[in-house]
Amino acid sequence: MADFFTYFSCVLDVGTVENAAKALDLYNEFIDELAAEDPPSDGFVLSIVPEYGGTKLWMRDDVTGDPHQVVEFVLRCARTFRLRGRWGF
């Protein structure tokens, strides 16, 4: 049987260091929601990129991941932080 993997890496600028810190809380809540699904989603890994001023979130796979969940999380951040403009994945 074939194994299918999706690899990805992208960055989202949330504007301020405070928003980045709040985004980590949003991420933890989001991952808890994903863990409650049956079956649980592959999710993704998130970290703050300090070398870019601490306002950017780096989202990536950990062996494999779910790009749909990244888009859902970015939309949640956009609503929470009132982000405007384009974001590419």
PDB file of N, CA and C in Angstrom:
ATOM      1  N   MET A   1       0.849  -1.176   0.000  1.00  0.00           N
ATOM      2  CA  MET A   1       0.000   0.000   0.000  1.00  0.00           C
ATOM      3  C   MET A   1       0.897   1.242   0.000  1.00  0.00           C
ATOM      4  N   ALA A   2       0.531   2.218  -0.763  1.00  0.00           N
ATOM      5  CA  ALA A   2       1.327   3.442  -0.888  1.00  0.00           C
ATOM      6  C   ALA A   2       1.132   4.348   0.325  1.00  0.00           C
ATOM      7  N   ASP A   3       2.204   5.048   0.675  1.00  0.00           N
ATOM      8  CA  ASP A   3       2.135   6.075   1.711  1.00  0.00           C
ATOM      9  C   ASP A   3       2.135   7.432   1.025  1.00  0.00           C
ATOM     10  N   PHE A   4       1.241   8.301   1.439  1.00  0.00           N
ATOM     11  CA  PHE A   4       1.168   9.636   0.869  1.00  0.00           C
ATOM     12  C   PHE A   4       1.500  10.647   1.958  1.00  0.00           C
ATOM     13  N   PHE A   5       2.390  11.575   1.638  1.00  0.00           N
ATOM     14  CA  PHE A   5       2.811  12.581   2.592  1.00  0.00           C
ATOM     15  C   PHE A   5       2.673  13.950   1.962  1.00  0.00           C
ATOM     16  N   THR A   6       2.330  14.930   2.772  1.00  0.00           N
ATOM     17  CA  THR A   6       2.278  16.312   2.323  1.00  0.00           C
ATOM     18  C   THR A   6       3.284  17.097   3.138  1.00  0.00           C
ATOM     19  N   TYR A   7       4.260  17.668   2.464  1.00  0.00           N
ATOM     20  CA  TYR A   7       5.274  18.486   3.116  1.00  0.00           C
ATOM     21  C   TYR A   7       4.987  19.945   2.817  1.00  0.00           C
ATOM     22  N   PHE A   8       5.125  20.809   3.820  1.00  0.00           N
ATOM     23  CA  PHE A   8       4.884  22.229   3.602  1.00  0.00           C
ATOM     24  C   PHE A   8       5.633  23.055   4.634  1.00  0.00           C
ATOM     25  N   SER A   9       5.818  24.317   4.293  1.00  0.00           N
ATOM     26  CA  SER A   9       6.440  25.289   5.178  1.00  0.00           C
ATOM     27  C   SER A   9       5.979  26.657   4.719  1.00  0.00           C
ATOM     28  N   CYS A  10       5.431  27.455   5.637  1.00  0.00           N
ATOM     29  CA  CYS A  10       4.966  28.790   5.282  1.00  0.00           C
ATOM     30  C   CYS A  10       5.063  29.705   6.505  1.00  0.00           C
ATOM     31  N   VAL A  11       4.992  31.005   6.247  1.00  0.00           N
ATOM     32  CA  VAL A  11       5.132  32.015   7.294  1.00  0.00           C
ATOM     33  C   VAL A  11       3.928  32.942   7.245  1.00  0.00           C
ATOM     34  N   LEU A  12       3.444  33.335   8.420  1.00  0.00           N
ATOM     35  CA  LEU A  12       2.363  34.315   8.551  1.00  0.00           C
ATOM     36  C   LEU A  12       2.831  35.420   9.474  1.00  0.00           C
ATOM     37  N   ASP A  13       2.785  36.655   8.991  1.00  0.00           N
ATOM     38  CA  ASP A  13       3.138  37.816   9.812  1.00  0.00           C
ATOM     39  C   ASP A  13       1.874  38.291  10.519  1.00  0.00           C
ATOM     40  N   VAL A  14       1.872  38.236  11.855  1.00  0.00           N
ATOM     41  CA  VAL A  14       0.697  38.649  12.632  1.00  0.00           C
ATOM     42  C   VAL A  14       0.822  40.072  13.156  1.00  0.00           C
ATOM     43  N   GLY A  15       1.861  40.792  12.746  1.00  0.00           N
ATOM     44  CA  GLY A  15       1.948  42.226  12.996  1.00  0.00           C
ATOM     45  C   GLY A  15       2.721  42.671  14.216  1.00  0.00           C
ATOM     46  N   THR A  16       2.498  42.030  15.363  1.00  0.00           N
ATOM     47  CA  THR A  16       3.168  42.452  16.591  1.00  0.00           C
ATOM     48  C   THR A  16       3.661  41.228  17.363  1.00  0.00           C
ATOM     49  N   VAL A  17       4.607  41.467  18.248  1.00  0.00           N
ATOM     50  CA  VAL A  17       5.109  40.399  19.115  1.00  0.00           C
ATOM     51  C   VAL A  17       4.000  39.903  20.031  1.00  0.00           C
ATOM     52  N   GLU A  18       3.148  40.825  20.491  1.00  0.00           N
ATOM     53  CA  GLU A  18       2.027  40.440  21.360  1.00  0.00           C
ATOM     54  C   GLU A  18       1.066  39.511  20.625  1.00  0.00           C
ATOM     55  N   ASN A  19       0.772  39.831  19.354  1.00  0.00           N
ATOM     56  CA  ASN A  19      -0.101  38.958  18.572  1.00  0.00           C
ATOM     57  C   ASN A  19       0.527  37.584  18.382  1.00  0.00           C
ATOM     58  N   ALA A  20       1.836  37.546  18.178  1.00  0.00           N
ATOM     59  CA  ALA A  20       2.520  36.262  18.012  1.00  0.00           C
ATOM     60  C   ALA A  20       2.392  35.419  19.282  1.00  0.00           C
ATOM     61  N   ALA A  21       2.530  36.046  20.432  1.00  0.00           N
ATOM     62  CA  ALA A  21       2.378  35.318  21.702  1.00  0.00           C
ATOM     63  C   ALA A  21       0.945  34.807  21.860  1.00  0.00           C
ATOM     64  N   LYS A  22      -0.034  35.640  21.512  1.00  0.00           N
ATOM     65  CA  LYS A  22      -1.439  35.207  21.580  1.00  0.00           C
ATOM     66  C   LYS A  22      -1.714  34.096  20.573  1.00  0.00           C
ATOM     67  N   ALA A  23      -1.036  34.160  19.426  1.00  0.00           N
ATOM     68  CA  ALA A  23      -1.223  33.127  18.404  1.00  0.00           C
ATOM     69  C   ALA A  23      -0.775  31.767  18.918  1.00  0.00           C
ATOM     70  N   LEU A  24       0.241  31.729  19.755  1.00  0.00           N
ATOM     71  CA  LEU A  24       0.657  30.453  20.348  1.00  0.00           C
ATOM     72  C   LEU A  24      -0.455  29.862  21.207  1.00  0.00           C
ATOM     73  N   ASP A  25      -1.173  30.729  21.945  1.00  0.00           N
ATOM     74  CA  ASP A  25      -2.322  30.255  22.725  1.00  0.00           C
ATOM     75  C   ASP A  25      -3.425  29.740  21.799  1.00  0.00           C
ATOM     76  N   LEU A  26      -3.690  30.486  20.715  1.00  0.00           N
ATOM     77  CA  LEU A  26      -4.691  30.046  19.737  1.00  0.00           C
ATOM     78  C   LEU A  26      -4.298  28.689  19.148  1.00  0.00           C
ATOM     79  N   TYR A  27      -3.016  28.538  18.862  1.00  0.00           N
ATOM     80  CA  TYR A  27      -2.516  27.291  18.288  1.00  0.00           C
ATOM     81  C   TYR A  27      -2.744  26.125  19.251  1.00  0.00           C
ATOM     82  N   ASN A  28      -2.428  26.322  20.520  1.00  0.00           N
ATOM     83  CA  ASN A  28      -2.622  25.247  21.500  1.00  0.00           C
ATOM     84  C   ASN A  28      -4.086  24.853  21.604  1.00  0.00           C
ATOM     85  N   GLU A  29      -4.988  25.836  21.596  1.00  0.00           N
ATOM     86  CA  GLU A  29      -6.426  25.543  21.609  1.00  0.00           C
ATOM     87  C   GLU A  29      -6.825  24.780  20.347  1.00  0.00           C
ATOM     88  N   PHE A  30      -6.317  25.240  19.216  1.00  0.00           N
ATOM     89  CA  PHE A  30      -6.631  24.624  17.928  1.00  0.00           C
ATOM     90  C   PHE A  30      -6.159  23.171  17.894  1.00  0.00           C
ATOM     91  N   ILE A  31      -4.946  22.917  18.340  1.00  0.00           N
ATOM     92  CA  ILE A  31      -4.401  21.554  18.346  1.00  0.00           C
ATOM     93  C   ILE A  31      -5.209  20.658  19.290  1.00  0.00           C
ATOM     94  N   ASP A  32      -5.659  21.203  20.423  1.00  0.00           N
ATOM     95  CA  ASP A  32      -6.510  20.424  21.330  1.00  0.00           C
ATOM     96  C   ASP A  32      -7.814  20.029  20.639  1.00  0.00           C
ATOM     97  N   GLU A  33      -8.388  20.954  19.849  1.00  0.00           N
ATOM     98  CA  GLU A  33      -9.607  20.649  19.094  1.00  0.00           C
ATOM     99  C   GLU A  33      -9.346  19.550  18.068  1.00  0.00           C
ATOM    100  N   LEU A  34      -8.205  19.625  17.387  1.00  0.00           N
ATOM    101  CA  LEU A  34      -7.870  18.614  16.387  1.00  0.00           C
ATOM    102  C   LEU A  34      -7.669  17.250  17.036  1.00  0.00           C
ATOM    103  N   ALA A  35      -7.101  17.227  18.219  1.00  0.00           N
ATOM    104  CA  ALA A  35      -6.856  15.961  18.912  1.00  0.00           C
ATOM    105  C   ALA A  35      -8.162  15.272  19.300  1.00  0.00           C
ATOM    106  N   ALA A  36      -9.218  16.064  19.466  1.00  0.00           N
ATOM    107  CA  ALA A  36     -10.509  15.500  19.856  1.00  0.00           C
ATOM    108  C   ALA A  36     -11.259  14.882  18.669  1.00  0.00           C
ATOM    109  N   GLU A  37     -10.803  15.163  17.438  1.00  0.00           N
ATOM    110  CA  GLU A  37     -11.455  14.602  16.256  1.00  0.00           C
ATOM    111  C   GLU A  37     -11.219  13.095  16.190  1.00  0.00           C
ATOM    112  N   ASP A  38     -12.118  12.418  15.499  1.00  0.00           N
ATOM    113  CA  ASP A  38     -11.970  10.985  15.333  1.00  0.00           C
ATOM    114  C   ASP A  38     -11.991  10.649  13.850  1.00  0.00           C
ATOM    115  N   PRO A  39     -10.932  10.296  13.215  1.00  0.00           N
ATOM    116  CA  PRO A  39      -9.576  10.169  13.744  1.00  0.00           C
ATOM    117  C   PRO A  39      -8.919  11.542  13.865  1.00  0.00           C
ATOM    118  N   PRO A  40      -7.920  11.668  14.733  1.00  0.00           N
ATOM    119  CA  PRO A  40      -7.255  12.964  14.893  1.00  0.00           C
ATOM    120  C   PRO A  40      -6.522  13.379  13.620  1.00  0.00           C
ATOM    121  N   SER A  41      -6.491  14.677  13.364  1.00  0.00           N
ATOM    122  CA  SER A  41      -5.810  15.225  12.198  1.00  0.00           C
ATOM    123  C   SER A  41      -4.301  15.183  12.397  1.00  0.00           C
ATOM    124  N   ASP A  42      -3.565  15.185  11.289  1.00  0.00           N
ATOM    125  CA  ASP A  42      -2.104  15.245  11.370  1.00  0.00           C
ATOM    126  C   ASP A  42      -1.624  16.595  11.881  1.00  0.00           C
ATOM    127  N   GLY A  43      -2.421  17.645  11.680  1.00  0.00           N
ATOM    128  CA  GLY A  43      -2.069  18.972  12.186  1.00  0.00           C
ATOM    129  C   GLY A  43      -0.821  19.544  11.540  1.00  0.00           C
ATOM    130  N   PHE A  44      -0.081  20.325  12.316  1.00  0.00           N
ATOM    131  CA  PHE A  44       1.134  20.976  11.846  1.00  0.00           C
ATOM    132  C   PHE A  44       1.898  21.505  13.045  1.00  0.00           C
ATOM    133  N   VAL A  45       3.122  21.945  12.816  1.00  0.00           N
ATOM    134  CA  VAL A  45       3.974  22.501  13.866  1.00  0.00           C
ATOM    135  C   VAL A  45       4.055  24.006  13.663  1.00  0.00           C
ATOM    136  N   LEU A  46       4.033  24.758  14.759  1.00  0.00           N
ATOM    137  CA  LEU A  46       4.107  26.210  14.690  1.00  0.00           C
ATOM    138  C   LEU A  46       5.174  26.715  15.647  1.00  0.00           C
ATOM    139  N   SER A  47       5.919  27.720  15.200  1.00  0.00           N
ATOM    140  CA  SER A  47       6.871  28.401  16.077  1.00  0.00           C
ATOM    141  C   SER A  47       6.993  29.852  15.636  1.00  0.00           C
ATOM    142  N   ILE A  48       7.500  30.689  16.545  1.00  0.00           N
ATOM    143  CA  ILE A  48       7.735  32.098  16.240  1.00  0.00           C
ATOM    144  C   ILE A  48       9.145  32.220  15.680  1.00  0.00           C
ATOM    145  N   VAL A  49       9.297  33.052  14.652  1.00  0.00           N
ATOM    146  CA  VAL A  49      10.596  33.227  14.003  1.00  0.00           C
ATOM    147  C   VAL A  49      11.246  34.493  14.564  1.00  0.00           C
ATOM    148  N   PRO A  50      12.129  34.368  15.579  1.00  0.00           N
ATOM    149  CA  PRO A  50      12.710  35.543  16.217  1.00  0.00           C
ATOM    150  C   PRO A  50      13.616  36.364  15.300  1.00  0.00           C
ATOM    151  N   GLU A  51      14.289  35.721  14.354  1.00  0.00           N
ATOM    152  CA  GLU A  51      15.193  36.483  13.486  1.00  0.00           C
ATOM    153  C   GLU A  51      14.451  37.427  12.532  1.00  0.00           C
ATOM    154  N   TYR A  52      13.132  37.314  12.466  1.00  0.00           N
ATOM    155  CA  TYR A  52      12.327  38.246  11.667  1.00  0.00           C
ATOM    156  C   TYR A  52      11.520  39.188  12.554  1.00  0.00           C
ATOM    157  N   GLY A  53      12.034  39.486  13.728  1.00  0.00           N
ATOM    158  CA  GLY A  53      11.382  40.449  14.608  1.00  0.00           C
ATOM    159  C   GLY A  53      10.365  39.864  15.567  1.00  0.00           C
ATOM    160  N   GLY A  54      10.152  38.565  15.532  1.00  0.00           N
ATOM    161  CA  GLY A  54       9.229  37.928  16.466  1.00  0.00           C
ATOM    162  C   GLY A  54       7.763  38.122  16.140  1.00  0.00           C
ATOM    163  N   THR A  55       7.444  38.613  14.938  1.00  0.00           N
ATOM    164  CA  THR A  55       6.050  38.817  14.554  1.00  0.00           C
ATOM    165  C   THR A  55       5.561  37.777  13.561  1.00  0.00           C
ATOM    166  N   LYS A  56       6.448  36.871  13.156  1.00  0.00           N
ATOM    167  CA  LYS A  56       6.085  35.895  12.126  1.00  0.00           C
ATOM    168  C   LYS A  56       5.973  34.498  12.705  1.00  0.00           C
ATOM    169  N   LEU A  57       4.917  33.808  12.281  1.00  0.00           N
ATOM    170  CA  LEU A  57       4.679  32.438  12.686  1.00  0.00           C
ATOM    171  C   LEU A  57       5.130  31.511  11.571  1.00  0.00           C
ATOM    172  N   TRP A  58       5.941  30.545  11.908  1.00  0.00           N
ATOM    173  CA  TRP A  58       6.398  29.563  10.935  1.00  0.00           C
ATOM    174  C   TRP A  58       5.585  28.292  11.135  1.00  0.00           C
ATOM    175  N   MET A  59       4.825  27.918  10.114  1.00  0.00           N
ATOM    176  CA  MET A  59       3.981  26.727  10.156  1.00  0.00           C
ATOM    177  C   MET A  59       4.540  25.714   9.166  1.00  0.00           C
ATOM    178  N   ARG A  60       4.664  24.469   9.630  1.00  0.00           N
ATOM    179  CA  ARG A  60       5.290  23.453   8.801  1.00  0.00           C
ATOM    180  C   ARG A  60       4.810  22.069   9.222  1.00  0.00           C
ATOM    181  N   ASP A  61       5.119  21.105   8.361  1.00  0.00           N
ATOM    182  CA  ASP A  61       4.761  19.727   8.685  1.00  0.00           C
ATOM    183  C   ASP A  61       5.799  19.140   9.641  1.00  0.00           C
ATOM    184  N   ASP A  62       5.397  18.097  10.325  1.00  0.00           N
ATOM    185  CA  ASP A  62       6.307  17.320  11.164  1.00  0.00           C
ATOM    186  C   ASP A  62       6.207  15.886  10.656  1.00  0.00           C
ATOM    187  N   VAL A  63       7.023  15.545   9.690  1.00  0.00           N
ATOM    188  CA  VAL A  63       6.991  14.293   8.943  1.00  0.00           C
ATOM    189  C   VAL A  63       5.852  14.332   7.914  1.00  0.00           C
ATOM    190  N   THR A  64       4.638  14.566   8.352  1.00  0.00           N
ATOM    191  CA  THR A  64       3.498  14.779   7.460  1.00  0.00           C
ATOM    192  C   THR A  64       2.581  15.770   8.162  1.00  0.00           C
ATOM    193  N   GLY A  65       1.710  16.410   7.420  1.00  0.00           N
ATOM    194  CA  GLY A  65       0.829  17.400   8.026  1.00  0.00           C
ATOM    195  C   GLY A  65      -0.436  17.585   7.216  1.00  0.00           C
ATOM    196  N   ASP A  66      -1.307  18.435   7.704  1.00  0.00           N
ATOM    197  CA  ASP A  66      -2.596  18.679   7.069  1.00  0.00           C
ATOM    198  C   ASP A  66      -2.673  20.147   6.645  1.00  0.00           C
ATOM    199  N   PRO A  67      -2.473  20.449   5.363  1.00  0.00           N
ATOM    200  CA  PRO A  67      -2.513  21.834   4.898  1.00  0.00           C
ATOM    201  C   PRO A  67      -3.857  22.518   5.156  1.00  0.00           C
ATOM    202  N   HIS A  68      -4.942  21.750   5.127  1.00  0.00           N
ATOM    203  CA  HIS A  68      -6.255  22.332   5.402  1.00  0.00           C
ATOM    204  C   HIS A  68      -6.301  22.930   6.808  1.00  0.00           C
ATOM    205  N   GLN A  69      -5.674  22.272   7.753  1.00  0.00           N
ATOM    206  CA  GLN A  69      -5.662  22.783   9.124  1.00  0.00           C
ATOM    207  C   GLN A  69      -4.843  24.071   9.225  1.00  0.00           C
ATOM    208  N   VAL A  70      -3.789  24.189   8.418  1.00  0.00           N
ATOM    209  CA  VAL A  70      -3.013  25.432   8.391  1.00  0.00           C
ATOM    210  C   VAL A  70      -3.894  26.576   7.919  1.00  0.00           C
ATOM    211  N   VAL A  71      -4.645  26.350   6.848  1.00  0.00           N
ATOM    212  CA  VAL A  71      -5.534  27.393   6.319  1.00  0.00           C
ATOM    213  C   VAL A  71      -6.580  27.770   7.364  1.00  0.00           C
ATOM    214  N   GLU A  72      -7.151  26.776   8.041  1.00  0.00           N
ATOM    215  CA  GLU A  72      -8.143  27.055   9.088  1.00  0.00           C
ATOM    216  C   GLU A  72      -7.528  27.888  10.215  1.00  0.00           C
ATOM    217  N   PHE A  73      -6.316  27.562  10.608  1.00  0.00           N
ATOM    218  CA  PHE A  73      -5.647  28.317  11.669  1.00  0.00           C
ATOM    219  C   PHE A  73      -5.337  29.743  11.217  1.00  0.00           C
ATOM    220  N   VAL A  74      -4.864  29.909   9.992  1.00  0.00           N
ATOM    221  CA  VAL A  74      -4.573  31.249   9.472  1.00  0.00           C
ATOM    222  C   VAL A  74      -5.847  32.089   9.436  1.00  0.00           C
ATOM    223  N   LEU A  75      -6.961  31.503   9.028  1.00  0.00           N
ATOM    224  CA  LEU A  75      -8.233  32.238   9.037  1.00  0.00           C
ATOM    225  C   LEU A  75      -8.627  32.634  10.459  1.00  0.00           C
ATOM    226  N   ARG A  76      -8.382  31.769  11.418  1.00  0.00           N
ATOM    227  CA  ARG A  76      -8.663  32.087  12.823  1.00  0.00           C
ATOM    228  C   ARG A  76      -7.789  33.256  13.284  1.00  0.00           C
ATOM    229  N   CYS A  77      -6.518  33.240  12.910  1.00  0.00           N
ATOM    230  CA  CYS A  77      -5.618  34.361  13.246  1.00  0.00           C
ATOM    231  C   CYS A  77      -6.076  35.645  12.558  1.00  0.00           C
ATOM    232  N   ALA A  78      -6.482  35.534  11.302  1.00  0.00           N
ATOM    233  CA  ALA A  78      -6.933  36.719  10.556  1.00  0.00           C
ATOM    234  C   ALA A  78      -8.130  37.368  11.246  1.00  0.00           C
ATOM    235  N   ARG A  79      -9.061  36.555  11.704  1.00  0.00           N
ATOM    236  CA  ARG A  79     -10.236  37.106  12.414  1.00  0.00           C
ATOM    237  C   ARG A  79      -9.827  37.703  13.762  1.00  0.00           C
ATOM    238  N   THR A  80      -9.018  36.981  14.506  1.00  0.00           N
ATOM    239  CA  THR A  80      -8.631  37.409  15.848  1.00  0.00           C
ATOM    240  C   THR A  80      -7.814  38.698  15.823  1.00  0.00           C
ATOM    241  N   PHE A  81      -6.859  38.788  14.901  1.00  0.00           N
ATOM    242  CA  PHE A  81      -5.951  39.926  14.869  1.00  0.00           C
ATOM    243  C   PHE A  81      -6.318  40.961  13.801  1.00  0.00           C
ATOM    244  N   ARG A  82      -7.461  40.746  13.157  1.00  0.00           N
ATOM    245  CA  ARG A  82      -7.951  41.649  12.091  1.00  0.00           C
ATOM    246  C   ARG A  82      -6.875  41.876  11.020  1.00  0.00           C
ATOM    247  N   LEU A  83      -6.302  40.781  10.563  1.00  0.00           N
ATOM    248  CA  LEU A  83      -5.273  40.854   9.538  1.00  0.00           C
ATOM    249  C   LEU A  83      -5.912  41.162   8.192  1.00  0.00           C
ATOM    250  N   ARG A  84      -5.235  41.935   7.389  1.00  0.00           N
ATOM    251  CA  ARG A  84      -5.709  42.310   6.055  1.00  0.00           C
ATOM    252  C   ARG A  84      -4.649  41.952   5.026  1.00  0.00           C
ATOM    253  N   GLY A  85      -5.068  41.855   3.794  1.00  0.00           N
ATOM    254  CA  GLY A  85      -4.124  41.612   2.710  1.00  0.00           C
ATOM    255  C   GLY A  85      -4.085  40.150   2.316  1.00  0.00           C
ATOM    256  N   ARG A  86      -3.131  39.852   1.492  1.00  0.00           N
ATOM    257  CA  ARG A  86      -2.998  38.507   0.951  1.00  0.00           C
ATOM    258  C   ARG A  86      -1.994  37.689   1.750  1.00  0.00           C
ATOM    259  N   TRP A  87      -2.260  36.409   1.750  1.00  0.00           N
ATOM    260  CA  TRP A  87      -1.326  35.442   2.340  1.00  0.00           C
ATOM    261  C   TRP A  87      -1.270  34.271   1.395  1.00  0.00           C
ATOM    262  N   GLY A  88      -0.114  33.791   1.107  1.00  0.00           N
ATOM    263  CA  GLY A  88       0.019  32.664   0.199  1.00  0.00           C
ATOM    264  C   GLY A  88       0.502  31.430   0.911  1.00  0.00           C
ATOM    265  N   PHE A  89       0.038  30.312   0.406  1.00  0.00           N
ATOM    266  CA  PHE A  89       0.430  29.032   0.991  1.00  0.00           C
ATOM    267  C   PHE A  89       1.006  28.154  -0.098  1.00  0.00           C
TER     268      PHE A  89
END
